[in-house]
Protein backbone atom coordinates (compact mmCIF):
# COMPACT_ATOMS: atom_id res chain seq x y z
CA UNK A 1 -23.84 11.68 18.21
CA UNK A 2 -24.72 9.93 21.43
CA UNK A 3 -22.20 10.90 24.14
CA UNK A 4 -21.01 7.34 24.87
CA UNK A 5 -20.21 6.34 21.26
CA UNK A 6 -16.71 5.97 19.83
CA UNK A 7 -17.52 8.83 17.46
CA UNK A 8 -18.42 11.21 20.30
CA UNK A 9 -15.47 10.13 22.43
CA UNK A 10 -13.15 10.78 19.47
CA UNK A 11 -14.60 14.26 18.91
CA UNK A 12 -13.96 15.06 22.58
CA UNK A 13 -10.37 13.85 22.66
CA UNK A 14 -8.53 13.51 19.31
CA UNK A 15 -7.14 16.15 16.92
CA UNK A 16 -7.28 15.04 13.26
CA UNK A 17 -5.09 16.19 10.39
CA UNK A 18 -6.51 17.27 7.01
CA UNK A 19 -9.81 17.83 8.80
CA UNK A 20 -12.08 20.78 9.53
CA UNK A 21 -11.74 20.60 13.30
CA UNK A 22 -14.88 22.60 14.05
CA UNK A 23 -17.06 20.49 11.75
CA UNK A 24 -15.52 17.35 13.25
CA UNK A 25 -17.03 18.29 16.61
CA UNK A 26 -20.45 17.91 15.00
CA UNK A 27 -19.85 15.06 12.54
CA UNK A 28 -17.35 12.86 14.34
CA UNK A 29 -15.24 10.27 12.49
CA UNK A 30 -15.78 7.08 10.57
CA UNK A 31 -14.26 4.60 13.01
CA UNK A 32 -12.42 1.73 11.31
CA UNK A 33 -12.00 -1.34 13.50
CA UNK A 34 -10.42 -4.03 11.32
CA UNK A 35 -9.22 -4.86 7.84
CA UNK A 36 -8.22 -7.68 5.50
CA UNK A 37 -6.58 -7.31 2.11
CA UNK A 38 -8.05 -4.20 0.44
CA UNK A 39 -11.13 -4.17 2.71
CA UNK A 40 -11.75 -2.36 6.01
CA UNK A 41 -14.74 -2.60 8.34
CA UNK A 42 -16.09 0.16 10.58
CA UNK A 43 -17.50 -0.13 14.07
CA UNK A 44 -21.02 -0.60 12.65
CA UNK A 45 -19.98 -3.55 10.50
CA UNK A 46 -19.95 -1.67 7.17
CA UNK A 47 -17.31 -2.83 4.67
CA UNK A 48 -15.32 -0.52 2.41
CA UNK A 49 -12.76 -0.90 -0.36
CA UNK A 50 -9.81 1.09 0.97
CA UNK A 51 -8.84 2.64 -2.38
CA UNK A 52 -6.26 5.01 -0.84
CA UNK A 53 -4.19 2.42 1.06
CA UNK A 54 -4.88 4.54 4.14
CA UNK A 55 -2.57 7.47 3.34
CA UNK A 56 -0.97 5.98 0.18
CA UNK A 57 0.88 3.45 2.31
CA UNK A 58 -0.55 0.02 3.21
CA UNK A 59 0.72 -1.50 -0.02
CA UNK A 60 0.54 -5.14 1.11
CA UNK A 61 -2.98 -4.74 2.44
CA UNK A 62 -4.38 -5.57 5.83
CA UNK A 63 -3.69 -8.78 7.71
CA UNK A 64 -0.24 -9.67 6.29
CA UNK A 65 0.85 -12.35 8.75
CA UNK A 66 4.52 -12.40 7.71
CA UNK A 67 4.95 -8.81 8.87
CA UNK A 68 3.11 -9.38 12.14
CA UNK A 69 5.23 -12.45 12.88
CA UNK A 70 8.52 -10.66 12.18
CA UNK A 71 7.49 -7.77 14.43
CA UNK A 72 6.65 -10.13 17.30
CA UNK A 73 9.93 -12.04 16.96
CA UNK A 74 12.00 -8.87 16.86
CA UNK A 75 10.21 -7.40 19.87
CA UNK A 76 11.12 -10.49 21.84
CA UNK A 77 14.73 -10.59 20.63
CA UNK A 78 15.68 -6.90 20.71
CA UNK A 79 12.87 -4.42 21.22
CA UNK A 80 15.05 -1.31 20.93
CA UNK A 81 18.58 -0.12 20.39
CA UNK A 82 19.84 3.20 19.02
CA UNK A 83 22.21 3.81 16.12
CA UNK A 84 24.20 6.45 18.01
CA UNK A 85 27.78 6.49 19.38
CA UNK A 86 29.05 3.72 17.06
CA UNK A 87 26.29 1.23 18.02
CA UNK A 88 24.18 -0.83 15.61
CA UNK A 89 22.05 -3.97 15.32
CA UNK A 90 21.54 -6.64 12.62
CA UNK A 91 18.15 -5.63 11.23
CA UNK A 92 19.26 -2.05 10.49
CA UNK A 93 22.39 -3.32 8.75
CA UNK A 94 20.44 -5.86 6.68
CA UNK A 95 17.79 -3.33 5.62
CA UNK A 96 20.40 -0.72 4.67
CA UNK A 97 22.29 -3.26 2.56
CA UNK A 98 19.10 -4.30 0.79
CA UNK A 99 18.01 -0.73 0.07
CA UNK A 100 21.40 0.06 -1.45
CA UNK A 101 21.18 -3.11 -3.55
CA UNK A 102 17.78 -2.23 -5.05
CA UNK A 103 18.20 1.56 -5.29
CA UNK A 104 17.32 2.98 -8.74
CA UNK A 105 20.64 4.85 -8.90
CA UNK A 106 24.04 4.22 -7.26
CA UNK A 107 23.74 5.08 -3.57
CA UNK A 108 26.34 4.90 -0.82
CA UNK A 109 24.72 5.00 2.62
CA UNK A 110 21.29 5.00 4.31
CA UNK A 111 19.97 7.28 7.05
CA UNK A 112 16.88 6.00 8.88
CA UNK A 113 14.03 8.07 10.29
CA UNK A 114 10.40 7.49 11.26
CA UNK A 115 8.28 9.22 8.60
CA UNK A 116 8.56 10.69 5.15
CA UNK A 117 8.40 14.16 6.68
CA UNK A 118 11.37 13.44 8.92
CA UNK A 119 13.41 11.86 6.14
CA UNK A 120 12.79 14.81 3.80
CA UNK A 121 13.59 17.18 6.65
CA UNK A 122 16.89 15.36 7.14
CA UNK A 123 17.54 15.59 3.40
CA UNK A 124 17.19 19.37 3.66
CA UNK A 125 19.64 19.43 6.54
CA UNK A 126 22.08 17.16 4.71
CA UNK A 127 21.95 19.41 1.65
CA UNK A 128 22.98 22.34 3.84
CA UNK A 129 25.60 20.22 5.64
CA UNK A 130 26.99 19.06 2.30
CA UNK A 131 27.45 22.55 0.90
CA UNK A 132 29.03 23.74 4.15
CA UNK A 133 31.46 20.85 3.81
CA UNK A 134 32.17 21.90 0.23
CA UNK A 135 33.03 25.42 1.34
CA UNK A 136 29.87 26.93 -0.20
CA UNK A 137 27.72 27.92 2.81
CA UNK A 138 25.75 30.38 0.68
CA UNK A 139 23.98 27.50 -1.11
CA UNK A 140 20.98 27.35 1.21
CA UNK A 141 17.84 27.89 -0.86
CA UNK A 142 15.59 24.96 -1.77
CA UNK A 143 13.48 24.56 -4.90
CA UNK A 144 10.35 22.43 -5.25
CA UNK A 145 7.09 22.41 -7.20
CA UNK A 146 3.84 24.21 -6.51
CA UNK A 147 1.30 21.57 -5.35
CA UNK A 148 4.08 19.19 -4.27
CA UNK A 149 3.83 17.69 -0.80
CA UNK A 150 7.05 16.76 1.02
CA UNK A 151 5.92 16.59 4.63
CA UNK A 152 4.71 18.53 7.65
CA UNK A 153 7.73 19.31 9.77
CA UNK A 154 8.61 23.01 9.65
CA UNK A 155 11.18 22.57 6.87
CA UNK A 156 9.20 20.09 4.78
CA UNK A 157 5.96 22.03 5.16
CA UNK A 158 7.90 25.00 3.79
CA UNK A 159 9.22 22.77 1.01
CA UNK A 160 5.68 21.65 0.18
CA UNK A 161 3.89 23.76 -2.38
CA UNK A 162 0.36 23.43 -1.00
CA UNK A 163 -1.30 26.28 0.87
CA UNK A 164 -2.77 24.20 3.68
CA UNK A 165 0.71 23.47 5.07
CA UNK A 166 1.45 27.21 5.16
CA UNK A 167 -1.74 29.09 6.04
CA UNK A 168 -1.97 29.98 9.71
CA UNK A 169 1.45 28.45 10.49
CA UNK A 170 3.71 31.40 9.51
CA UNK A 171 5.18 29.33 6.69
CA UNK A 172 6.99 28.89 4.37
CA UNK A 173 10.33 29.83 5.89
CA UNK A 174 12.57 32.16 3.88
CA UNK A 175 14.61 30.46 1.18
CA UNK A 176 12.04 27.82 0.24
CA UNK A 177 11.13 28.58 -3.38
CA UNK A 178 8.45 27.05 -5.59
CA UNK A 179 8.30 26.67 -9.36
CA UNK A 180 5.36 25.85 -11.63
CA UNK A 181 3.71 22.46 -11.29
CA UNK A 182 4.35 20.42 -14.48
CA UNK A 183 0.66 19.67 -15.06
CA UNK A 184 -0.02 19.81 -18.78
CA UNK A 185 -3.81 19.56 -18.51
CA UNK A 186 -4.01 22.61 -16.24
CA UNK A 187 -0.90 24.58 -17.17
CA UNK A 188 -0.59 24.37 -20.96
CA UNK A 189 -1.41 27.34 -23.13
CA UNK A 190 -3.94 26.94 -25.98
CA UNK A 191 -2.38 24.86 -28.76
CA UNK A 192 0.80 24.20 -26.78
CA UNK A 193 2.22 20.68 -27.18
CA UNK A 194 3.49 18.68 -24.19
CA UNK A 195 7.05 19.13 -25.45
CA UNK A 196 6.66 22.89 -25.76
CA UNK A 197 5.00 23.02 -22.34
CA UNK A 198 7.90 21.14 -20.72
CA UNK A 199 10.47 23.35 -22.47
CA UNK A 200 8.69 26.51 -21.31
CA UNK A 201 8.65 25.34 -17.70
CA UNK A 202 12.31 24.38 -17.86
CA UNK A 203 13.21 27.78 -19.30
CA UNK A 204 11.31 29.39 -16.41
CA UNK A 205 13.22 27.24 -13.89
CA UNK A 206 16.55 28.22 -15.43
CA UNK A 207 15.56 31.88 -15.34
CA UNK A 208 14.64 31.48 -11.65
CA UNK A 209 17.99 29.83 -10.88
CA UNK A 210 19.87 32.63 -12.62
CA UNK A 211 17.81 35.32 -10.91
CA UNK A 212 18.31 33.79 -7.44
CA UNK A 213 21.93 32.92 -8.15
CA UNK A 214 23.00 29.31 -8.58
CA UNK A 215 25.53 29.84 -5.80
CA UNK A 216 22.58 30.33 -3.39
CA UNK A 217 20.61 27.15 -4.25
CA UNK A 218 21.33 23.90 -2.41
CA UNK A 219 18.88 21.38 -3.87
CA UNK A 220 15.77 20.73 -5.91
CA UNK A 221 13.19 18.37 -4.38
CA UNK A 222 10.74 16.50 -6.60
CA UNK A 223 8.40 13.55 -6.54
CA UNK A 224 8.45 11.27 -9.61
CA UNK A 225 4.67 11.72 -9.67
CA UNK A 226 3.24 14.64 -7.69
CA UNK A 227 0.90 12.57 -5.57
CA UNK A 228 -0.84 14.74 -2.98
CA UNK A 229 -0.96 17.59 -5.49
CA UNK A 230 -3.49 15.60 -7.52
CA UNK A 231 -1.50 12.63 -8.94
CA UNK A 232 0.21 14.76 -11.58
CA UNK A 233 2.48 12.97 -14.07
CA UNK A 234 5.05 15.38 -15.57
CA UNK A 235 5.27 15.31 -19.39
CA UNK A 236 7.89 13.34 -21.30
CA UNK A 237 11.22 15.13 -21.40
CA UNK A 238 10.57 17.24 -18.32
CA UNK A 239 12.77 15.30 -15.91
CA UNK A 240 15.55 14.82 -18.47
CA UNK A 241 15.68 18.58 -18.99
CA UNK A 242 15.43 19.32 -15.28
CA UNK A 243 18.36 17.04 -14.47
CA UNK A 244 20.50 18.70 -17.14
CA UNK A 245 19.76 22.09 -15.59
CA UNK A 246 20.66 20.91 -12.09
CA UNK A 247 23.94 19.44 -13.28
CA UNK A 248 24.72 22.64 -15.21
CA UNK A 249 24.25 24.79 -12.11
CA UNK A 250 25.62 22.28 -9.56
CA UNK A 251 22.40 21.84 -7.59
CA UNK A 252 21.62 18.60 -5.74
CA UNK A 253 18.58 16.56 -6.78
CA UNK A 254 16.49 14.97 -4.03
CA UNK A 255 13.84 12.46 -5.12
CA UNK A 256 10.85 12.03 -2.79
CA UNK A 257 9.68 8.43 -3.23
CA UNK A 258 7.45 8.41 -0.15
CA UNK A 259 4.39 7.55 -2.27
CA UNK A 260 5.92 6.08 -5.44
CA UNK A 261 8.43 3.68 -3.87
CA UNK A 262 8.09 -0.11 -3.76
CA UNK A 263 6.29 -1.19 -6.93
CA UNK A 264 3.54 1.44 -6.92
CA UNK A 265 4.28 2.58 -10.50
CA UNK A 266 5.27 -0.83 -11.89
CA UNK A 267 8.94 -0.57 -10.92
CA UNK A 268 10.46 -0.88 -7.48
CA UNK A 269 10.97 2.89 -7.53
CA UNK A 270 9.24 5.71 -9.35
CA UNK A 271 12.63 7.13 -10.24
CA UNK A 272 13.07 4.20 -12.61
CA UNK A 273 9.63 4.77 -14.13
CA UNK A 274 10.35 8.47 -14.70
CA UNK A 275 14.10 8.19 -15.53
CA UNK A 276 15.40 10.15 -12.54
CA UNK A 277 18.95 9.75 -11.18
CA UNK A 278 18.99 11.57 -7.83
CA UNK A 279 21.73 12.48 -5.36
CA UNK A 280 19.39 11.71 -2.46
CA UNK A 281 16.32 9.48 -2.35
CA UNK A 282 13.67 9.38 0.37
CA UNK A 283 11.32 6.44 0.92
CA UNK A 284 8.74 5.66 3.62
CA UNK A 285 5.08 4.49 3.70
CA UNK A 286 5.26 1.24 1.66
CA UNK A 287 8.78 0.63 2.99
CA UNK A 288 7.06 -1.26 5.81
CA UNK A 289 3.65 -1.35 4.12
CA UNK A 290 2.74 1.08 6.94
CA UNK A 291 2.75 -1.74 9.48
CA UNK A 292 5.15 0.30 11.58
CA UNK A 293 6.58 3.82 11.18
CA UNK A 294 9.89 3.95 9.32
CA UNK A 295 11.54 5.97 6.56
CA UNK A 296 14.90 5.96 4.86
CA UNK A 297 17.10 8.53 3.14
CA UNK A 298 19.67 7.18 0.70
CA UNK A 299 22.58 9.39 -0.34
CA UNK A 300 25.16 8.90 -3.07
CA UNK A 301 28.91 8.67 -2.61
CA UNK A 302 29.47 12.33 -3.50
CA UNK A 303 27.26 13.48 -0.65
CA UNK A 304 28.48 10.87 1.82
CA UNK A 305 32.19 11.61 1.39
CA UNK A 306 31.61 15.30 1.99
CA UNK A 307 29.48 14.85 5.10
CA UNK A 308 31.86 12.22 6.49
CA UNK A 309 34.75 14.68 6.12
CA UNK A 310 32.68 17.44 7.70
CA UNK A 311 31.71 15.28 10.68
CA UNK A 312 35.39 14.44 11.25
CA UNK A 313 36.31 18.13 11.22
CA UNK A 314 33.48 18.98 13.64
CA UNK A 315 34.06 15.90 15.79
CA UNK A 316 30.54 14.48 15.51
CA UNK A 317 27.66 14.18 13.04
CA UNK A 318 25.09 16.14 15.00
CA UNK A 319 21.89 14.64 13.61
CA UNK A 320 19.91 11.94 15.38
CA UNK A 321 16.47 10.90 16.56
CA UNK A 322 15.63 8.39 19.26
CA UNK A 323 13.88 5.89 17.00
CA UNK A 324 16.12 6.11 13.90
CA UNK A 325 16.66 2.57 12.62
CA UNK A 326 14.42 1.04 15.31
CA UNK A 327 15.03 -2.74 15.35
CA UNK A 328 11.37 -3.71 15.01
CA UNK A 329 10.75 -1.19 12.22
CA UNK A 330 13.82 -2.21 10.23
CA UNK A 331 13.00 -5.90 10.63
CA UNK A 332 9.44 -5.38 9.39
CA UNK A 333 10.65 -3.25 6.47
CA UNK A 334 13.19 -5.87 5.46
CA UNK A 335 10.44 -8.51 5.45
CA UNK A 336 8.17 -6.25 3.42
CA UNK A 337 10.84 -5.99 0.72
CA UNK A 338 11.16 -9.79 0.73
CA UNK A 339 7.43 -10.01 0.04
CA UNK A 340 7.63 -7.46 -2.79
CA UNK A 341 10.39 -9.54 -4.35
CA UNK A 342 9.04 -13.04 -3.55
CA UNK A 343 5.70 -12.23 -5.19
CA UNK A 344 7.20 -9.95 -7.88
CA UNK A 345 4.94 -7.02 -7.11
CA UNK A 346 6.44 -4.77 -9.80
CA UNK A 347 5.31 -7.28 -12.44
CA UNK A 348 1.95 -7.65 -10.71
CA UNK A 349 1.38 -3.90 -10.83
CA UNK A 350 2.35 -3.76 -14.51
CA UNK A 351 -0.23 -6.47 -15.17
CA UNK A 352 -2.96 -4.70 -13.19
CA UNK A 353 -2.24 -1.27 -14.68
CA UNK A 354 -4.37 -1.99 -17.77
CA UNK A 355 -7.59 -2.97 -15.96
CA UNK A 356 -7.09 -0.24 -13.35
CA UNK A 357 -6.06 2.78 -15.41
CA UNK A 358 -7.87 1.51 -18.49
CA UNK A 359 -11.06 1.16 -16.49
CA UNK A 360 -10.65 4.62 -15.02
CA UNK A 361 -10.03 6.13 -18.47
CA UNK A 362 -13.37 4.78 -19.62
CA UNK A 363 -14.82 7.23 -17.10
CA UNK A 364 -13.53 10.12 -19.22
CA UNK A 365 -16.80 9.83 -21.11
CA UNK A 366 -18.63 10.80 -17.92
CA UNK A 367 -19.89 14.42 -17.96
CA UNK A 368 -18.03 15.28 -14.75
CA UNK A 369 -14.62 13.78 -15.64
CA UNK A 370 -12.07 16.03 -17.31
CA UNK A 371 -8.88 13.98 -17.05
CA UNK A 372 -7.68 10.60 -15.76
CA UNK A 373 -3.95 10.38 -15.10
CA UNK A 374 -1.55 8.04 -13.35
CA UNK A 375 0.93 5.18 -13.52
CA UNK A 376 0.68 1.64 -12.20
CA UNK A 377 -1.80 1.52 -9.32
CA UNK A 378 -1.75 5.26 -8.70
CA UNK A 379 -4.33 7.52 -10.33
CA UNK A 380 -6.14 10.84 -10.21
CA UNK A 381 -9.59 11.53 -11.68
CA UNK A 382 -10.15 15.28 -12.11
CA UNK A 383 -13.71 16.56 -12.04
CA UNK A 384 -14.59 19.64 -14.09
CA UNK A 385 -17.57 21.88 -14.67
CA UNK A 386 -17.06 21.97 -18.45
CA UNK A 387 -15.21 19.17 -20.25
CA UNK A 388 -14.68 21.20 -23.43
CA UNK A 389 -13.12 24.28 -21.83
CA UNK A 390 -11.65 22.42 -18.81
CA UNK A 391 -13.37 24.99 -16.60
CA UNK A 392 -13.11 23.89 -12.96
CA UNK A 393 -15.92 24.08 -10.46
CA UNK A 394 -16.14 27.16 -8.26
CA UNK A 395 -14.22 26.55 -5.05
CA UNK A 396 -17.20 26.83 -2.66
CA UNK A 397 -18.91 23.85 -4.31
CA UNK A 398 -16.14 21.40 -3.29
CA UNK A 399 -17.41 18.80 -5.74
CA UNK A 400 -14.51 16.46 -5.10
CA UNK A 401 -15.36 16.25 -1.40
CA UNK A 402 -19.06 15.75 -2.21
CA UNK A 403 -18.23 12.89 -4.58
CA UNK A 404 -15.82 11.30 -2.08
CA UNK A 405 -18.56 11.43 0.57
CA UNK A 406 -21.05 9.75 -1.76
CA UNK A 407 -18.43 7.11 -2.65
CA UNK A 408 -17.93 6.34 1.03
CA UNK A 409 -21.67 5.76 1.44
CA UNK A 410 -21.31 3.17 -1.33
CA UNK A 411 -18.41 1.45 0.42
CA UNK A 412 -15.48 3.07 -1.39
CA UNK A 413 -12.87 5.14 0.45
CA UNK A 414 -10.86 7.48 -1.74
CA UNK A 415 -9.42 10.97 -1.28
CA UNK A 416 -10.55 14.27 -2.72
CA UNK A 417 -7.64 16.59 -3.48
CA UNK A 418 -9.59 19.65 -4.46
CA UNK A 419 -11.73 18.30 -7.29
CA UNK A 420 -9.38 15.46 -8.11
CA UNK A 421 -10.28 12.01 -6.77
CA UNK A 422 -7.07 10.21 -5.82
CA UNK A 423 -6.86 6.42 -5.90
CA UNK A 424 -3.97 4.35 -4.58
CA UNK A 425 -5.30 0.88 -3.72
CA UNK A 426 -3.21 -1.76 -1.95
CA UNK A 427 -1.02 -3.65 -4.39
CA UNK A 428 -2.73 -6.90 -3.38
CA UNK A 429 -5.96 -5.82 -5.07
CA UNK A 430 -7.40 -8.36 -7.54
CA UNK A 431 -8.94 -7.72 -10.97
CA UNK A 432 -12.33 -8.60 -9.51
CA UNK A 433 -11.85 -6.02 -6.75
CA UNK A 434 -10.70 -3.44 -9.32
CA UNK A 435 -13.93 -4.05 -11.23
CA UNK A 436 -15.93 -3.52 -8.01
CA UNK A 437 -13.96 -0.36 -7.25
CA UNK A 438 -14.76 1.02 -10.71
CA UNK A 439 -18.42 0.13 -10.33
CA UNK A 440 -18.70 1.96 -7.02
CA UNK A 441 -16.81 4.97 -8.37
CA UNK A 442 -19.12 5.27 -11.38
CA UNK A 443 -22.14 5.10 -9.07
CA UNK A 444 -20.66 7.91 -6.98
CA UNK A 445 -20.02 10.02 -10.09
CA UNK A 446 -23.57 9.46 -11.32
CA UNK A 447 -25.07 10.45 -7.98
CA UNK A 448 -22.82 13.51 -7.80
CA UNK A 449 -23.98 14.58 -11.26
CA UNK A 450 -27.60 14.07 -10.21
CA UNK A 451 -27.01 16.15 -7.07
CA UNK A 452 -25.59 18.96 -9.18
CA UNK A 453 -28.50 18.86 -11.61
CA UNK A 454 -30.93 19.32 -8.71
CA UNK A 455 -28.96 22.22 -7.21
């Protein structure tokens, strides 16, 4: 890198997440300067299909003028006001009302934050606050899945079931417990049906609850589809059985819709797609189509009444952040929901699911592809060493990262999660652009296979 380039300046000044920081000093970044629709352009003029919506989030694509206009108007009218000490503002009220109206299960109130991590962190705190209010302070432990990702604050990194949020950070904290990931392709025993697999996992969860003591467990956190764990779709019957268990043992259910919310799976919420009725629901990312940071935590009446009573007894609800319910963020998010509804994005995603997932499933004939999984416009393509035995590649080879790098050279940005290629394109993608995405992905797979054959 020449010392005066954007790449070199970045390497000298910026810390990047999900990055090998030492290697970044040598390689530098790909610098993206502008975007339109599903396309982005780097500082050398190269165009890419952004098949990950950034970080699963820019659902309405780049250059949506309605969102830019609303942000500008709100900045001029009321650039900031907090939601503390009995104060409010119209855009927060309007967004909260709309979220409650479209929620996939009856919800009572909305708490605003700035990111999915913060909203999930607040959900953890509200679970503890709730059980204190109910006179059961011993219910403090949290359950979640291995491979799940719920954020990167201290609590949510502990809640996440991926090693990279723990290693080197002295995490997870005590009381954050993880159960088996419901991934049939990887977790099933020889000859085990999906139904039997789901029943075995549920029996293991019940045994864990009994062993820990149901009176020590506050909540179970789950994503409708385990996105950052490799786009894992739990088998039929799994969530029905899980919810029965949680009701039996009086454990709250928190649904993390940070990735699956707002039409991504063909319904406004992934909870509808996967038949989940939560006590708390977290959304972020596509809530504003990532045009501005915002997240929301919806809670049902059961939880709200208890925490309202507790706050009255204590004299104040001692949870706040400076930018909760920021006027510009709430105004942009409210406009984003109008766009989802005006253009019926859930129906659009259902229509595009066949060419997208169907096209990806044709890649299962490729020698490197073991499984294609997903819903709507959310998919994972798992690469394997042996298709017959499902044998994965040895970890040092990092085939997923190699393939993602080759794809980027062909103008396709996706994400390697281990050896699974994750795809989450903006919802505005066209069938023609889906066809181009598939073409570039197949080229990357072919070149990866050729690289392996030469090794």
